[in-house]
C-alpha atoms as a PDB file:
ATOM      1  CA  UNK A   1      38.041  15.246 -28.645  1.00  0.00           C
ATOM      2  CA  UNK A   2      35.958  12.050 -28.729  1.00  0.00           C
ATOM      3  CA  UNK A   3      32.577  12.127 -30.382  1.00  0.00           C
ATOM      4  CA  UNK A   4      29.587  10.408 -28.640  1.00  0.00           C
ATOM      5  CA  UNK A   5      27.228   8.668 -31.019  1.00  0.00           C
ATOM      6  CA  UNK A   6      23.830  10.506 -31.179  1.00  0.00           C
ATOM      7  CA  UNK A   7      22.011   7.191 -30.482  1.00  0.00           C
ATOM      8  CA  UNK A   8      23.875   6.883 -27.263  1.00  0.00           C
ATOM      9  CA  UNK A   9      22.900  10.400 -26.257  1.00  0.00           C
ATOM     10  CA  UNK A  10      19.271   9.752 -27.071  1.00  0.00           C
ATOM     11  CA  UNK A  11      19.302   6.581 -24.892  1.00  0.00           C
ATOM     12  CA  UNK A  12      20.672   8.485 -21.920  1.00  0.00           C
ATOM     13  CA  UNK A  13      18.007  11.272 -22.227  1.00  0.00           C
ATOM     14  CA  UNK A  14      15.257   8.715 -22.584  1.00  0.00           C
ATOM     15  CA  UNK A  15      16.472   6.794 -19.541  1.00  0.00           C
ATOM     16  CA  UNK A  16      16.596   9.969 -17.383  1.00  0.00           C
ATOM     17  CA  UNK A  17      13.452  11.687 -18.610  1.00  0.00           C
ATOM     18  CA  UNK A  18      10.166  11.330 -16.823  1.00  0.00           C
ATOM     19  CA  UNK A  19       7.685   8.958 -18.423  1.00  0.00           C
ATOM     20  CA  UNK A  20       5.357  10.544 -21.022  1.00  0.00           C
ATOM     21  CA  UNK A  21       1.854  11.135 -19.731  1.00  0.00           C
ATOM     22  CA  UNK A  22       2.970  11.440 -16.068  1.00  0.00           C
ATOM     23  CA  UNK A  23       1.989  15.060 -15.440  1.00  0.00           C
ATOM     24  CA  UNK A  24       0.587  16.537 -12.263  1.00  0.00           C
ATOM     25  CA  UNK A  25      -2.715  18.190 -11.834  1.00  0.00           C
ATOM     26  CA  UNK A  26      -3.457  21.050  -9.406  1.00  0.00           C
ATOM     27  CA  UNK A  27      -6.785  21.252  -7.636  1.00  0.00           C
ATOM     28  CA  UNK A  28      -6.901  24.489  -5.737  1.00  0.00           C
ATOM     29  CA  UNK A  29      -3.750  24.145  -3.513  1.00  0.00           C
ATOM     30  CA  UNK A  30      -3.484  20.415  -3.876  1.00  0.00           C
ATOM     31  CA  UNK A  31      -1.160  18.527  -6.138  1.00  0.00           C
ATOM     32  CA  UNK A  32      -2.444  15.305  -7.566  1.00  0.00           C
ATOM     33  CA  UNK A  33       0.208  12.917  -9.056  1.00  0.00           C
ATOM     34  CA  UNK A  34       1.139   9.294  -9.456  1.00  0.00           C
ATOM     35  CA  UNK A  35       0.197   7.328  -6.361  1.00  0.00           C
ATOM     36  CA  UNK A  36      -2.529   9.686  -5.166  1.00  0.00           C
ATOM     37  CA  UNK A  37      -5.577   7.700  -3.802  1.00  0.00           C
ATOM     38  CA  UNK A  38      -8.850   8.007  -5.690  1.00  0.00           C
ATOM     39  CA  UNK A  39     -10.720   9.232  -2.617  1.00  0.00           C
ATOM     40  CA  UNK A  40      -8.162  12.037  -2.263  1.00  0.00           C
ATOM     41  CA  UNK A  41      -8.587  13.026  -5.986  1.00  0.00           C
ATOM     42  CA  UNK A  42     -12.348  13.165  -5.389  1.00  0.00           C
ATOM     43  CA  UNK A  43     -11.976  15.128  -2.249  1.00  0.00           C
ATOM     44  CA  UNK A  44      -9.668  17.816  -3.596  1.00  0.00           C
ATOM     45  CA  UNK A  45     -10.895  17.957  -7.286  1.00  0.00           C
ATOM     46  CA  UNK A  46     -14.516  17.095  -7.039  1.00  0.00           C
ATOM     47  CA  UNK A  47     -16.352  14.693  -9.171  1.00  0.00           C
ATOM     48  CA  UNK A  48     -14.960  14.335 -12.803  1.00  0.00           C
ATOM     49  CA  UNK A  49     -16.891  15.707 -15.807  1.00  0.00           C
ATOM     50  CA  UNK A  50     -16.788  12.230 -17.326  1.00  0.00           C
ATOM     51  CA  UNK A  51     -15.922   8.687 -16.087  1.00  0.00           C
ATOM     52  CA  UNK A  52     -15.477   5.772 -18.509  1.00  0.00           C
ATOM     53  CA  UNK A  53     -17.498   2.567 -18.027  1.00  0.00           C
ATOM     54  CA  UNK A  54     -15.099   0.627 -15.839  1.00  0.00           C
ATOM     55  CA  UNK A  55     -14.191   3.820 -13.747  1.00  0.00           C
ATOM     56  CA  UNK A  56     -10.510   3.547 -14.609  1.00  0.00           C
ATOM     57  CA  UNK A  57     -10.330   6.902 -16.482  1.00  0.00           C
ATOM     58  CA  UNK A  58     -11.621  10.143 -14.947  1.00  0.00           C
ATOM     59  CA  UNK A  59     -11.646  13.298 -17.041  1.00  0.00           C
ATOM     60  CA  UNK A  60     -11.500  16.850 -15.668  1.00  0.00           C
ATOM     61  CA  UNK A  61     -11.562  20.198 -17.506  1.00  0.00           C
ATOM     62  CA  UNK A  62      -8.159  20.788 -19.157  1.00  0.00           C
ATOM     63  CA  UNK A  63      -5.920  23.721 -19.510  1.00  0.00           C
ATOM     64  CA  UNK A  64      -7.086  24.579 -23.000  1.00  0.00           C
ATOM     65  CA  UNK A  65     -10.506  24.863 -24.702  1.00  0.00           C
ATOM     66  CA  UNK A  66      -9.923  21.698 -26.757  1.00  0.00           C
ATOM     67  CA  UNK A  67      -8.368  19.437 -24.110  1.00  0.00           C
ATOM     68  CA  UNK A  68      -9.321  17.657 -20.922  1.00  0.00           C
ATOM     69  CA  UNK A  69      -7.146  16.201 -18.190  1.00  0.00           C
ATOM     70  CA  UNK A  70      -7.318  12.403 -18.023  1.00  0.00           C
ATOM     71  CA  UNK A  71      -6.581  10.627 -14.754  1.00  0.00           C
ATOM     72  CA  UNK A  72      -5.927   6.882 -15.037  1.00  0.00           C
ATOM     73  CA  UNK A  73      -6.360   4.754 -11.920  1.00  0.00           C
ATOM     74  CA  UNK A  74      -4.912   1.277 -11.112  1.00  0.00           C
ATOM     75  CA  UNK A  75      -5.902  -0.262  -7.728  1.00  0.00           C
ATOM     76  CA  UNK A  76      -7.592   2.995  -6.765  1.00  0.00           C
ATOM     77  CA  UNK A  77      -4.486   5.011  -7.108  1.00  0.00           C
ATOM     78  CA  UNK A  78      -3.399   7.450  -9.867  1.00  0.00           C
ATOM     79  CA  UNK A  79      -1.154   5.650 -12.324  1.00  0.00           C
ATOM     80  CA  UNK A  80      -0.810   8.546 -14.804  1.00  0.00           C
ATOM     81  CA  UNK A  81      -2.234  11.939 -15.757  1.00  0.00           C
ATOM     82  CA  UNK A  82      -2.226  13.447 -19.175  1.00  0.00           C
ATOM     83  CA  UNK A  83      -3.914  16.013 -21.423  1.00  0.00           C
ATOM     84  CA  UNK A  84      -6.013  14.680 -24.176  1.00  0.00           C
ATOM     85  CA  UNK A  85      -8.302  16.037 -26.895  1.00  0.00           C
ATOM     86  CA  UNK A  86     -12.010  16.443 -26.007  1.00  0.00           C
ATOM     87  CA  UNK A  87     -12.718  14.158 -28.967  1.00  0.00           C
ATOM     88  CA  UNK A  88     -11.708  11.246 -26.711  1.00  0.00           C
ATOM     89  CA  UNK A  89     -14.837  11.800 -24.529  1.00  0.00           C
END
């Protein structure tokens, strides 16, 4: 039986795994994910609890008491969504 080097396996897993920080967010019955327009996020999720100065990051209450959901926009569309510590606010 041939042995596959562990580094080769790690590369295959990394190449086929979704990008880190590319979660989805649910707002009621709506799914927000990469590519969702900013207007749709506001319509379904309401206004964020915090926006950064250049309005690229919107923060919504997270799943845990110490986290918030960060939504990052590029060209008025969701680029990525992730959970971050409330300390980032």
